[in-house]
Amino acid sequence: MTNKLEQLKAMTTVVADTGDLDAIRAWQPQDATTNPSLLLKATQFESYREMVNEAVNWAKSQGGNNRELIENATDRLAVIAGSRILEHIPGLVSTEVDARLSFDTAATVARARRLLRHYADLGVDTSRVLIKIAATWEGIQAARELEQEGVHCNLTLLFSFPQAVACADAGVYLISPFVGRILDWHLAQTGETSIAAEKDPGVISVARIFSYLKYYGYRTIVMGASFRNKGEIEALAGCDRLTISPALLQELSEDEGELPRRLNPEDVYCEEPRTPLSENRFRWLMNDDPMATEKLADGIRRFAADQITLEERLVEIAKAS
């Protein structure tokens, strides 16, 4: 019998949740996804030093004030990293819009277009790039506009069923409902130290979203994300895609046990009515869900903080060069 990672790949598209090129080469995932936190970590790798210097030098060549230099350098680094990743995978790479734009639809759309211009400038086929956006109401509307232009999006920091429904109704290409961070919140609230995978609230949330979208024929791809343990991944075997850290990929590859399929688009049932959400209804449902509200806000703050730290690091490099 093959290991659980190979069994998982037979029913689910495996995505690498890392910006580390060495890990991507080692695990050979179909797709890869990055964010400011992963890029910040990646800048510590020797393999990224050349990319960092290239991004800073390019930004300097464009002129402009300090703010423009910083934005140009960070965007260029994200795109250079994405282009290098695409050399090692057959599928798609996600590149994230600055989290500080999460509540500004127009600015999110403008930044997404700019990222794609960077990719085109490097000779990359932009159809292989997903624009990654936080699943706020404003972010979802930005994705709606971009999808209508033919730009595919990955909506991240998704913690609730209403977020998923709003994304699907907006025609979003892919959503990344989180698992582990939902578990974290519930453990903190209850004082428990662990929850069995079949009762894991993050697992249950993704399974509910998957069933609803498949039952009503939405094309939106469901990609479970933010896993805390191997059991959560196993409980979602059969989901469209799963983005998994190198550490958990390693665990799966070392497990020779049988991995049964848990989710199947051909065998879903949903009793919930198909109900498009207005902005008012969306905001009320989010307000009524303290976990989703808190984790979305926390995720945006964390990504923004890492973006700022990344910018500061690039400024130091620019001054030294």
C-alpha atoms as a PDB file:
ATOM      1  CA  MET A   1       0.000   0.000   0.000  1.00  0.00           C
ATOM      2  CA  THR A   2       1.245   3.512  -0.818  1.00  0.00           C
ATOM      3  CA  ASN A   3       1.697   6.073   1.957  1.00  0.00           C
ATOM      4  CA  LYS A   4      -1.090   8.439   2.947  1.00  0.00           C
ATOM      5  CA  LEU A   5       0.352  11.357   1.019  1.00  0.00           C
ATOM      6  CA  GLU A   6       0.237   9.408  -2.233  1.00  0.00           C
ATOM      7  CA  GLN A   7      -3.261   8.168  -1.414  1.00  0.00           C
ATOM      8  CA  LEU A   8      -4.339  11.757  -0.714  1.00  0.00           C
ATOM      9  CA  LYS A   9      -2.921  12.958  -4.032  1.00  0.00           C
ATOM     10  CA  ALA A  10      -5.107  10.400  -5.805  1.00  0.00           C
ATOM     11  CA  MET A  11      -8.271  12.131  -4.582  1.00  0.00           C
ATOM     12  CA  THR A  12      -7.245  15.704  -3.698  1.00  0.00           C
ATOM     13  CA  THR A  13      -4.961  18.287  -5.277  1.00  0.00           C
ATOM     14  CA  VAL A  14      -2.142  18.874  -2.798  1.00  0.00           C
ATOM     15  CA  VAL A  15      -0.837  22.427  -2.473  1.00  0.00           C
ATOM     16  CA  ALA A  16       2.374  23.385  -0.663  1.00  0.00           C
ATOM     17  CA  ASP A  17       1.773  25.887   2.121  1.00  0.00           C
ATOM     18  CA  THR A  18       5.280  27.310   1.971  1.00  0.00           C
ATOM     19  CA  GLY A  19       7.427  29.796   0.108  1.00  0.00           C
ATOM     20  CA  ASP A  20      10.573  27.685   0.598  1.00  0.00           C
ATOM     21  CA  LEU A  21      11.797  26.672  -2.845  1.00  0.00           C
ATOM     22  CA  ASP A  22      13.752  23.730  -1.452  1.00  0.00           C
ATOM     23  CA  ALA A  23      10.597  22.344   0.177  1.00  0.00           C
ATOM     24  CA  ILE A  24       8.599  22.860  -3.015  1.00  0.00           C
ATOM     25  CA  ARG A  25      11.228  21.020  -5.048  1.00  0.00           C
ATOM     26  CA  ALA A  26      11.252  18.200  -2.494  1.00  0.00           C
ATOM     27  CA  TRP A  27       7.482  17.695  -2.243  1.00  0.00           C
ATOM     28  CA  GLN A  28       6.506  18.478  -5.845  1.00  0.00           C
ATOM     29  CA  PRO A  29       2.984  19.770  -5.168  1.00  0.00           C
ATOM     30  CA  GLN A  30       0.537  20.655  -7.924  1.00  0.00           C
ATOM     31  CA  ASP A  31       0.150  24.259  -6.715  1.00  0.00           C
ATOM     32  CA  ALA A  32       1.754  26.540  -4.145  1.00  0.00           C
ATOM     33  CA  THR A  33       0.443  29.380  -2.031  1.00  0.00           C
ATOM     34  CA  THR A  34       2.307  32.233  -0.376  1.00  0.00           C
ATOM     35  CA  ASN A  35       1.520  35.114   1.948  1.00  0.00           C
ATOM     36  CA  PRO A  36       3.547  37.885   3.642  1.00  0.00           C
ATOM     37  CA  SER A  37       4.311  35.620   6.617  1.00  0.00           C
ATOM     38  CA  LEU A  38       5.752  32.906   4.376  1.00  0.00           C
ATOM     39  CA  LEU A  39       7.693  35.433   2.301  1.00  0.00           C
ATOM     40  CA  LEU A  40       9.133  36.970   5.452  1.00  0.00           C
ATOM     41  CA  LYS A  41      10.395  33.555   6.546  1.00  0.00           C
ATOM     42  CA  ALA A  42      11.651  32.818   3.051  1.00  0.00           C
ATOM     43  CA  THR A  43      13.856  35.924   3.000  1.00  0.00           C
ATOM     44  CA  GLN A  44      15.971  34.189   5.633  1.00  0.00           C
ATOM     45  CA  PHE A  45      16.833  31.414   3.183  1.00  0.00           C
ATOM     46  CA  GLU A  46      19.995  31.639   1.122  1.00  0.00           C
ATOM     47  CA  SER A  47      17.998  30.699  -1.975  1.00  0.00           C
ATOM     48  CA  TYR A  48      16.030  33.946  -1.669  1.00  0.00           C
ATOM     49  CA  ARG A  49      18.975  36.340  -1.310  1.00  0.00           C
ATOM     50  CA  GLU A  50      19.349  36.832  -5.050  1.00  0.00           C
ATOM     51  CA  MET A  51      15.590  37.476  -5.384  1.00  0.00           C
ATOM     52  CA  VAL A  52      15.632  40.064  -2.607  1.00  0.00           C
ATOM     53  CA  ASN A  53      18.520  41.922  -4.209  1.00  0.00           C
ATOM     54  CA  GLU A  54      16.835  41.760  -7.601  1.00  0.00           C
ATOM     55  CA  ALA A  55      13.608  43.208  -6.184  1.00  0.00           C
ATOM     56  CA  VAL A  56      15.377  46.032  -4.351  1.00  0.00           C
ATOM     57  CA  ASN A  57      17.534  46.958  -7.337  1.00  0.00           C
ATOM     58  CA  TRP A  58      14.522  46.964  -9.632  1.00  0.00           C
ATOM     59  CA  ALA A  59      12.596  49.212  -7.221  1.00  0.00           C
ATOM     60  CA  LYS A  60      15.518  51.633  -7.061  1.00  0.00           C
ATOM     61  CA  SER A  61      15.621  51.810 -10.848  1.00  0.00           C
ATOM     62  CA  GLN A  62      11.992  52.983 -10.908  1.00  0.00           C
ATOM     63  CA  GLY A  63      12.710  56.108  -8.868  1.00  0.00           C
ATOM     64  CA  GLY A  64       9.972  57.721  -6.797  1.00  0.00           C
ATOM     65  CA  ASN A  65       9.673  58.494  -3.115  1.00  0.00           C
ATOM     66  CA  ASN A  66      10.404  56.139  -0.223  1.00  0.00           C
ATOM     67  CA  ARG A  67       6.841  54.833  -0.060  1.00  0.00           C
ATOM     68  CA  GLU A  68       6.845  53.980  -3.744  1.00  0.00           C
ATOM     69  CA  LEU A  69      10.249  52.289  -3.428  1.00  0.00           C
ATOM     70  CA  ILE A  70       8.980  50.097  -0.575  1.00  0.00           C
ATOM     71  CA  GLU A  71       5.776  49.119  -2.372  1.00  0.00           C
ATOM     72  CA  ASN A  72       7.652  48.397  -5.588  1.00  0.00           C
ATOM     73  CA  ALA A  73      10.252  46.277  -3.801  1.00  0.00           C
ATOM     74  CA  THR A  74       7.758  44.190  -1.808  1.00  0.00           C
ATOM     75  CA  ASP A  75       5.443  43.617  -4.762  1.00  0.00           C
ATOM     76  CA  ARG A  76       8.366  42.766  -7.008  1.00  0.00           C
ATOM     77  CA  LEU A  77       9.765  40.315  -4.455  1.00  0.00           C
ATOM     78  CA  ALA A  78       6.402  38.551  -4.149  1.00  0.00           C
ATOM     79  CA  VAL A  79       6.201  38.248  -7.924  1.00  0.00           C
ATOM     80  CA  ILE A  80       9.813  37.138  -8.388  1.00  0.00           C
ATOM     81  CA  ALA A  81       9.257  34.473  -5.716  1.00  0.00           C
ATOM     82  CA  GLY A  82       6.024  33.425  -7.384  1.00  0.00           C
ATOM     83  CA  SER A  83       7.710  33.167 -10.776  1.00  0.00           C
ATOM     84  CA  ARG A  84      10.497  30.996  -9.325  1.00  0.00           C
ATOM     85  CA  ILE A  85       7.936  28.756  -7.642  1.00  0.00           C
ATOM     86  CA  LEU A  86       6.119  28.308 -10.954  1.00  0.00           C
ATOM     87  CA  GLU A  87       9.321  26.880 -12.432  1.00  0.00           C
ATOM     88  CA  HIS A  88       8.991  23.931 -10.027  1.00  0.00           C
ATOM     89  CA  ILE A  89       5.255  23.196 -10.068  1.00  0.00           C
ATOM     90  CA  PRO A  90       2.871  22.311 -12.906  1.00  0.00           C
ATOM     91  CA  GLY A  91      -0.062  24.335 -11.583  1.00  0.00           C
ATOM     92  CA  LEU A  92      -0.813  27.690  -9.979  1.00  0.00           C
ATOM     93  CA  VAL A  93       0.751  30.036  -7.460  1.00  0.00           C
ATOM     94  CA  SER A  94      -1.194  32.414  -5.215  1.00  0.00           C
ATOM     95  CA  THR A  95       0.184  35.921  -4.631  1.00  0.00           C
ATOM     96  CA  GLU A  96      -1.353  37.991  -1.877  1.00  0.00           C
ATOM     97  CA  VAL A  97      -2.514  41.599  -1.972  1.00  0.00           C
ATOM     98  CA  ASP A  98      -1.326  43.780   0.923  1.00  0.00           C
ATOM     99  CA  ALA A  99      -3.610  42.943   3.878  1.00  0.00           C
ATOM    100  CA  ARG A 100      -3.833  46.637   4.774  1.00  0.00           C
ATOM    101  CA  LEU A 101      -6.089  47.014   1.721  1.00  0.00           C
ATOM    102  CA  SER A 102      -8.588  44.448   3.019  1.00  0.00           C
ATOM    103  CA  PHE A 103     -11.348  47.033   3.486  1.00  0.00           C
ATOM    104  CA  ASP A 104     -10.784  48.954   0.249  1.00  0.00           C
ATOM    105  CA  THR A 105     -12.264  47.357  -2.856  1.00  0.00           C
ATOM    106  CA  ALA A 106     -10.841  49.793  -5.396  1.00  0.00           C
ATOM    107  CA  ALA A 107      -7.334  49.709  -3.918  1.00  0.00           C
ATOM    108  CA  THR A 108      -7.380  45.903  -3.814  1.00  0.00           C
ATOM    109  CA  VAL A 109      -8.332  45.714  -7.493  1.00  0.00           C
ATOM    110  CA  ALA A 110      -5.637  48.235  -8.410  1.00  0.00           C
ATOM    111  CA  ARG A 111      -2.948  46.340  -6.476  1.00  0.00           C
ATOM    112  CA  ALA A 112      -4.016  43.043  -8.050  1.00  0.00           C
ATOM    113  CA  ARG A 113      -3.676  44.514 -11.527  1.00  0.00           C
ATOM    114  CA  ARG A 114      -0.252  45.857 -10.612  1.00  0.00           C
ATOM    115  CA  LEU A 115       0.916  42.439  -9.402  1.00  0.00           C
ATOM    116  CA  LEU A 116      -0.200  40.904 -12.671  1.00  0.00           C
ATOM    117  CA  ARG A 117       1.683  43.572 -14.625  1.00  0.00           C
ATOM    118  CA  HIS A 118       4.806  42.584 -12.678  1.00  0.00           C
ATOM    119  CA  TYR A 119       4.261  38.941 -13.647  1.00  0.00           C
ATOM    120  CA  ALA A 120       3.728  39.863 -17.298  1.00  0.00           C
ATOM    121  CA  ASP A 121       6.879  42.004 -17.189  1.00  0.00           C
ATOM    122  CA  LEU A 122       8.805  38.892 -16.101  1.00  0.00           C
ATOM    123  CA  GLY A 123       7.318  36.886 -18.953  1.00  0.00           C
ATOM    124  CA  VAL A 124       5.044  34.770 -16.749  1.00  0.00           C
ATOM    125  CA  ASP A 125       1.741  33.411 -18.037  1.00  0.00           C
ATOM    126  CA  THR A 126      -0.642  35.309 -15.742  1.00  0.00           C
ATOM    127  CA  SER A 127      -3.303  32.606 -16.114  1.00  0.00           C
ATOM    128  CA  ARG A 128      -1.132  30.584 -13.687  1.00  0.00           C
ATOM    129  CA  VAL A 129      -1.445  33.249 -10.969  1.00  0.00           C
ATOM    130  CA  LEU A 130      -4.200  33.485  -8.377  1.00  0.00           C
ATOM    131  CA  ILE A 131      -4.649  36.815  -6.631  1.00  0.00           C
ATOM    132  CA  LYS A 132      -5.001  36.152  -2.925  1.00  0.00           C
ATOM    133  CA  ILE A 133      -7.374  38.443  -1.012  1.00  0.00           C
ATOM    134  CA  ALA A 134      -8.805  38.446   2.522  1.00  0.00           C
ATOM    135  CA  ALA A 135     -12.477  37.411   2.570  1.00  0.00           C
ATOM    136  CA  THR A 136     -13.907  40.669   3.887  1.00  0.00           C
ATOM    137  CA  TRP A 137     -17.001  42.044   2.151  1.00  0.00           C
ATOM    138  CA  GLU A 138     -14.783  44.558   0.352  1.00  0.00           C
ATOM    139  CA  GLY A 139     -12.309  41.845  -0.617  1.00  0.00           C
ATOM    140  CA  ILE A 140     -15.079  39.643  -1.992  1.00  0.00           C
ATOM    141  CA  GLN A 141     -16.385  42.512  -4.125  1.00  0.00           C
ATOM    142  CA  ALA A 142     -12.872  43.162  -5.417  1.00  0.00           C
ATOM    143  CA  ALA A 143     -12.655  39.483  -6.357  1.00  0.00           C
ATOM    144  CA  ARG A 144     -16.034  39.718  -8.116  1.00  0.00           C
ATOM    145  CA  GLU A 145     -14.687  42.558 -10.266  1.00  0.00           C
ATOM    146  CA  LEU A 146     -11.410  40.794 -10.980  1.00  0.00           C
ATOM    147  CA  GLU A 147     -13.107  37.504 -11.875  1.00  0.00           C
ATOM    148  CA  GLN A 148     -15.283  39.387 -14.363  1.00  0.00           C
ATOM    149  CA  GLU A 149     -12.044  40.609 -15.955  1.00  0.00           C
ATOM    150  CA  GLY A 150     -10.785  37.030 -16.190  1.00  0.00           C
ATOM    151  CA  VAL A 151      -8.446  37.302 -13.203  1.00  0.00           C
ATOM    152  CA  HIS A 152      -8.809  34.295 -10.908  1.00  0.00           C
ATOM    153  CA  CYS A 153      -8.738  34.843  -7.150  1.00  0.00           C
ATOM    154  CA  ASN A 154      -8.027  32.894  -3.972  1.00  0.00           C
ATOM    155  CA  LEU A 155     -10.050  34.226  -1.024  1.00  0.00           C
ATOM    156  CA  THR A 156      -8.201  33.600   2.227  1.00  0.00           C
ATOM    157  CA  LEU A 157      -8.818  34.096   5.953  1.00  0.00           C
ATOM    158  CA  LEU A 158     -12.171  32.400   5.491  1.00  0.00           C
ATOM    159  CA  PHE A 159     -13.627  31.190   8.792  1.00  0.00           C
ATOM    160  CA  SER A 160     -17.379  31.074   8.236  1.00  0.00           C
ATOM    161  CA  PHE A 161     -20.125  29.674   6.064  1.00  0.00           C
ATOM    162  CA  PRO A 162     -21.422  33.176   5.089  1.00  0.00           C
ATOM    163  CA  GLN A 163     -17.962  34.114   3.797  1.00  0.00           C
ATOM    164  CA  ALA A 164     -17.945  30.991   1.625  1.00  0.00           C
ATOM    165  CA  VAL A 165     -21.451  31.615   0.283  1.00  0.00           C
ATOM    166  CA  ALA A 166     -20.665  35.241  -0.558  1.00  0.00           C
ATOM    167  CA  CYS A 167     -17.487  34.174  -2.368  1.00  0.00           C
ATOM    168  CA  ALA A 168     -19.290  31.516  -4.385  1.00  0.00           C
ATOM    169  CA  ASP A 169     -22.033  33.951  -5.352  1.00  0.00           C
ATOM    170  CA  ALA A 170     -19.330  36.392  -6.480  1.00  0.00           C
ATOM    171  CA  GLY A 171     -17.905  33.762  -8.817  1.00  0.00           C
ATOM    172  CA  VAL A 172     -14.621  33.417  -6.948  1.00  0.00           C
ATOM    173  CA  TYR A 173     -12.334  30.778  -8.458  1.00  0.00           C
ATOM    174  CA  LEU A 174     -11.031  29.363  -5.160  1.00  0.00           C
ATOM    175  CA  ILE A 175     -11.617  29.777  -1.437  1.00  0.00           C
ATOM    176  CA  SER A 176      -9.308  28.783   1.416  1.00  0.00           C
ATOM    177  CA  PRO A 177     -11.466  27.952   4.461  1.00  0.00           C
ATOM    178  CA  PHE A 178      -9.250  27.675   7.532  1.00  0.00           C
ATOM    179  CA  VAL A 179      -9.268  24.681   9.833  1.00  0.00           C
ATOM    180  CA  GLY A 180      -6.580  25.009  12.476  1.00  0.00           C
ATOM    181  CA  ARG A 181      -7.280  28.578  13.478  1.00  0.00           C
ATOM    182  CA  ILE A 182     -10.927  27.676  14.099  1.00  0.00           C
ATOM    183  CA  LEU A 183      -9.741  24.819  16.298  1.00  0.00           C
ATOM    184  CA  ASP A 184      -7.386  27.204  18.128  1.00  0.00           C
ATOM    185  CA  TRP A 185     -10.284  29.514  18.973  1.00  0.00           C
ATOM    186  CA  HIS A 186     -12.501  26.731  20.305  1.00  0.00           C
ATOM    187  CA  LEU A 187      -9.710  25.225  22.409  1.00  0.00           C
ATOM    188  CA  ALA A 188      -9.046  28.644  23.921  1.00  0.00           C
ATOM    189  CA  GLN A 189     -12.736  29.088  24.720  1.00  0.00           C
ATOM    190  CA  THR A 190     -13.298  25.647  26.234  1.00  0.00           C
ATOM    191  CA  GLY A 191      -9.964  25.060  27.909  1.00  0.00           C
ATOM    192  CA  GLU A 192      -9.646  21.682  26.198  1.00  0.00           C
ATOM    193  CA  THR A 193      -6.262  20.604  24.907  1.00  0.00           C
ATOM    194  CA  SER A 194      -7.463  18.621  21.891  1.00  0.00           C
ATOM    195  CA  ILE A 195     -10.559  17.640  19.914  1.00  0.00           C
ATOM    196  CA  ALA A 196     -10.988  14.479  17.844  1.00  0.00           C
ATOM    197  CA  ALA A 197     -10.850  15.118  14.085  1.00  0.00           C
ATOM    198  CA  GLU A 198     -14.470  14.056  13.508  1.00  0.00           C
ATOM    199  CA  LYS A 199     -15.602  16.656  16.058  1.00  0.00           C
ATOM    200  CA  ASP A 200     -13.058  19.319  15.082  1.00  0.00           C
ATOM    201  CA  PRO A 201     -15.047  22.532  14.399  1.00  0.00           C
ATOM    202  CA  GLY A 202     -12.647  23.531  11.620  1.00  0.00           C
ATOM    203  CA  VAL A 203     -13.109  20.201   9.861  1.00  0.00           C
ATOM    204  CA  ILE A 204     -16.882  20.394  10.266  1.00  0.00           C
ATOM    205  CA  SER A 205     -16.873  23.940   8.832  1.00  0.00           C
ATOM    206  CA  VAL A 206     -14.986  22.940   5.675  1.00  0.00           C
ATOM    207  CA  ALA A 207     -17.144  19.841   5.166  1.00  0.00           C
ATOM    208  CA  ARG A 208     -20.290  21.986   5.430  1.00  0.00           C
ATOM    209  CA  ILE A 209     -18.947  24.491   2.901  1.00  0.00           C
ATOM    210  CA  PHE A 210     -17.888  21.717   0.524  1.00  0.00           C
ATOM    211  CA  SER A 211     -21.306  20.054   0.665  1.00  0.00           C
ATOM    212  CA  TYR A 212     -23.215  23.304   0.055  1.00  0.00           C
ATOM    213  CA  LEU A 213     -21.099  24.427  -2.887  1.00  0.00           C
ATOM    214  CA  LYS A 214     -21.098  21.022  -4.580  1.00  0.00           C
ATOM    215  CA  TYR A 215     -24.809  20.378  -3.963  1.00  0.00           C
ATOM    216  CA  TYR A 216     -25.815  23.664  -5.607  1.00  0.00           C
ATOM    217  CA  GLY A 217     -23.352  23.345  -8.463  1.00  0.00           C
ATOM    218  CA  TYR A 218     -20.998  26.208  -7.727  1.00  0.00           C
ATOM    219  CA  ARG A 219     -17.711  26.091  -9.615  1.00  0.00           C
ATOM    220  CA  THR A 220     -15.746  27.614  -6.743  1.00  0.00           C
ATOM    221  CA  ILE A 221     -12.877  25.346  -5.665  1.00  0.00           C
ATOM    222  CA  VAL A 222     -12.691  24.536  -1.940  1.00  0.00           C
ATOM    223  CA  MET A 223      -9.145  24.375  -0.572  1.00  0.00           C
ATOM    224  CA  GLY A 224      -8.856  23.507   3.112  1.00  0.00           C
ATOM    225  CA  ALA A 225      -6.036  25.413   4.829  1.00  0.00           C
ATOM    226  CA  SER A 226      -4.313  26.071   8.153  1.00  0.00           C
ATOM    227  CA  PHE A 227      -3.965  22.557   9.530  1.00  0.00           C
ATOM    228  CA  ARG A 228      -2.765  21.798  13.039  1.00  0.00           C
ATOM    229  CA  ASN A 229      -2.419  18.026  12.763  1.00  0.00           C
ATOM    230  CA  LYS A 230      -2.517  15.129  10.322  1.00  0.00           C
ATOM    231  CA  GLY A 231      -5.938  14.017  11.552  1.00  0.00           C
ATOM    232  CA  GLU A 232      -7.589  17.193  10.252  1.00  0.00           C
ATOM    233  CA  ILE A 233      -6.165  16.535   6.793  1.00  0.00           C
ATOM    234  CA  GLU A 234      -7.272  12.904   6.805  1.00  0.00           C
ATOM    235  CA  ALA A 235     -10.801  13.954   7.827  1.00  0.00           C
ATOM    236  CA  LEU A 236     -11.009  16.137   4.689  1.00  0.00           C
ATOM    237  CA  ALA A 237      -9.545  13.651   2.209  1.00  0.00           C
ATOM    238  CA  GLY A 238     -11.388  14.171  -1.069  1.00  0.00           C
ATOM    239  CA  CYS A 239     -11.762  17.943  -0.688  1.00  0.00           C
ATOM    240  CA  ASP A 240     -10.950  19.731  -3.968  1.00  0.00           C
ATOM    241  CA  ARG A 241      -7.584  20.924  -2.678  1.00  0.00           C
ATOM    242  CA  LEU A 242      -5.696  21.007   0.597  1.00  0.00           C
ATOM    243  CA  THR A 243      -2.770  23.339   1.290  1.00  0.00           C
ATOM    244  CA  ILE A 244      -0.366  21.601   3.650  1.00  0.00           C
ATOM    245  CA  SER A 245       2.839  22.604   5.421  1.00  0.00           C
ATOM    246  CA  PRO A 246       6.071  20.656   4.734  1.00  0.00           C
ATOM    247  CA  ALA A 247       6.042  19.232   8.280  1.00  0.00           C
ATOM    248  CA  LEU A 248       2.603  17.678   7.800  1.00  0.00           C
ATOM    249  CA  LEU A 249       3.473  16.519   4.287  1.00  0.00           C
ATOM    250  CA  GLN A 250       6.351  14.661   5.902  1.00  0.00           C
ATOM    251  CA  GLU A 251       4.050  13.032   8.454  1.00  0.00           C
ATOM    252  CA  LEU A 252       1.657  11.879   5.755  1.00  0.00           C
ATOM    253  CA  SER A 253       4.486  10.484   3.659  1.00  0.00           C
ATOM    254  CA  GLU A 254       5.704   8.392   6.602  1.00  0.00           C
ATOM    255  CA  ASP A 255       2.281   6.884   7.350  1.00  0.00           C
ATOM    256  CA  GLU A 256       1.600   3.623   5.488  1.00  0.00           C
ATOM    257  CA  GLY A 257      -1.948   3.241   6.776  1.00  0.00           C
ATOM    258  CA  GLU A 258      -5.112   3.296   4.689  1.00  0.00           C
ATOM    259  CA  LEU A 259      -6.649   6.693   3.929  1.00  0.00           C
ATOM    260  CA  PRO A 260     -10.402   6.505   3.209  1.00  0.00           C
ATOM    261  CA  ARG A 261     -12.114   9.204   1.175  1.00  0.00           C
ATOM    262  CA  ARG A 262     -14.261  11.454   3.384  1.00  0.00           C
ATOM    263  CA  LEU A 263     -15.565  14.039   0.895  1.00  0.00           C
ATOM    264  CA  ASN A 264     -16.921  13.305  -2.570  1.00  0.00           C
ATOM    265  CA  PRO A 265     -18.597  15.870  -4.858  1.00  0.00           C
ATOM    266  CA  GLU A 266     -20.651  13.075  -6.408  1.00  0.00           C
ATOM    267  CA  ASP A 267     -22.107  12.081  -3.047  1.00  0.00           C
ATOM    268  CA  VAL A 268     -23.174  15.219  -1.177  1.00  0.00           C
ATOM    269  CA  TYR A 269     -26.464  16.288   0.329  1.00  0.00           C
ATOM    270  CA  CYS A 270     -27.399  19.679   1.731  1.00  0.00           C
ATOM    271  CA  GLU A 271     -30.623  20.601   3.524  1.00  0.00           C
ATOM    272  CA  GLU A 272     -29.696  24.292   3.709  1.00  0.00           C
ATOM    273  CA  PRO A 273     -31.526  26.489   1.177  1.00  0.00           C
ATOM    274  CA  ARG A 274     -29.527  28.327  -1.443  1.00  0.00           C
ATOM    275  CA  THR A 275     -29.554  31.877  -0.127  1.00  0.00           C
ATOM    276  CA  PRO A 276     -27.530  34.696  -1.747  1.00  0.00           C
ATOM    277  CA  LEU A 277     -26.367  37.241   0.822  1.00  0.00           C
ATOM    278  CA  SER A 278     -26.822  41.001   0.726  1.00  0.00           C
ATOM    279  CA  GLU A 279     -24.104  43.161   2.258  1.00  0.00           C
ATOM    280  CA  ASN A 280     -26.289  43.874   5.297  1.00  0.00           C
ATOM    281  CA  ARG A 281     -27.037  40.197   5.837  1.00  0.00           C
ATOM    282  CA  PHE A 282     -23.375  39.237   5.399  1.00  0.00           C
ATOM    283  CA  ARG A 283     -22.216  41.809   7.923  1.00  0.00           C
ATOM    284  CA  TRP A 284     -24.865  40.763  10.432  1.00  0.00           C
ATOM    285  CA  LEU A 285     -23.993  37.071  10.172  1.00  0.00           C
ATOM    286  CA  MET A 286     -20.304  37.872  10.623  1.00  0.00           C
ATOM    287  CA  ASN A 287     -21.108  40.096  13.596  1.00  0.00           C
ATOM    288  CA  ASP A 288     -23.155  37.251  15.064  1.00  0.00           C
ATOM    289  CA  ASP A 289     -20.186  34.861  14.834  1.00  0.00           C
ATOM    290  CA  PRO A 290     -17.518  35.930  17.354  1.00  0.00           C
ATOM    291  CA  MET A 291     -15.057  33.275  16.202  1.00  0.00           C
ATOM    292  CA  ALA A 292     -15.158  34.330  12.544  1.00  0.00           C
ATOM    293  CA  THR A 293     -15.072  38.026  13.417  1.00  0.00           C
ATOM    294  CA  GLU A 294     -12.131  37.666  15.790  1.00  0.00           C
ATOM    295  CA  LYS A 295     -10.085  35.314  13.615  1.00  0.00           C
ATOM    296  CA  LEU A 296     -10.610  37.361  10.445  1.00  0.00           C
ATOM    297  CA  ALA A 297      -9.503  40.546  12.215  1.00  0.00           C
ATOM    298  CA  ASP A 298      -6.582  38.758  13.851  1.00  0.00           C
ATOM    299  CA  GLY A 299      -5.462  37.227  10.556  1.00  0.00           C
ATOM    300  CA  ILE A 300      -5.520  40.580   8.785  1.00  0.00           C
ATOM    301  CA  ARG A 301      -3.529  42.182  11.595  1.00  0.00           C
ATOM    302  CA  ARG A 302      -0.939  39.387  11.526  1.00  0.00           C
ATOM    303  CA  PHE A 303      -0.490  39.524   7.752  1.00  0.00           C
ATOM    304  CA  ALA A 304      -0.258  43.322   7.897  1.00  0.00           C
ATOM    305  CA  ALA A 305       2.346  43.163  10.672  1.00  0.00           C
ATOM    306  CA  ASP A 306       4.454  40.700   8.670  1.00  0.00           C
ATOM    307  CA  GLN A 307       4.080  42.889   5.586  1.00  0.00           C
ATOM    308  CA  ILE A 308       5.424  45.849   7.560  1.00  0.00           C
ATOM    309  CA  THR A 309       8.337  43.792   8.913  1.00  0.00           C
ATOM    310  CA  LEU A 310       9.114  42.590   5.391  1.00  0.00           C
ATOM    311  CA  GLU A 311       9.112  46.180   4.154  1.00  0.00           C
ATOM    312  CA  GLU A 312      11.454  47.233   6.962  1.00  0.00           C
ATOM    313  CA  ARG A 313      13.848  44.432   6.057  1.00  0.00           C
ATOM    314  CA  LEU A 314      13.864  45.479   2.409  1.00  0.00           C
ATOM    315  CA  VAL A 315      14.502  49.106   3.398  1.00  0.00           C
ATOM    316  CA  GLU A 316      17.567  48.014   5.381  1.00  0.00           C
ATOM    317  CA  ILE A 317      18.836  46.036   2.391  1.00  0.00           C
ATOM    318  CA  ALA A 318      18.218  48.984   0.082  1.00  0.00           C
ATOM    319  CA  LYS A 319      20.198  51.323   2.337  1.00  0.00           C
ATOM    320  CA  ALA A 320      23.071  48.870   2.566  1.00  0.00           C
ATOM    321  CA  SER A 321      23.332  48.283  -1.154  1.00  0.00           C
END
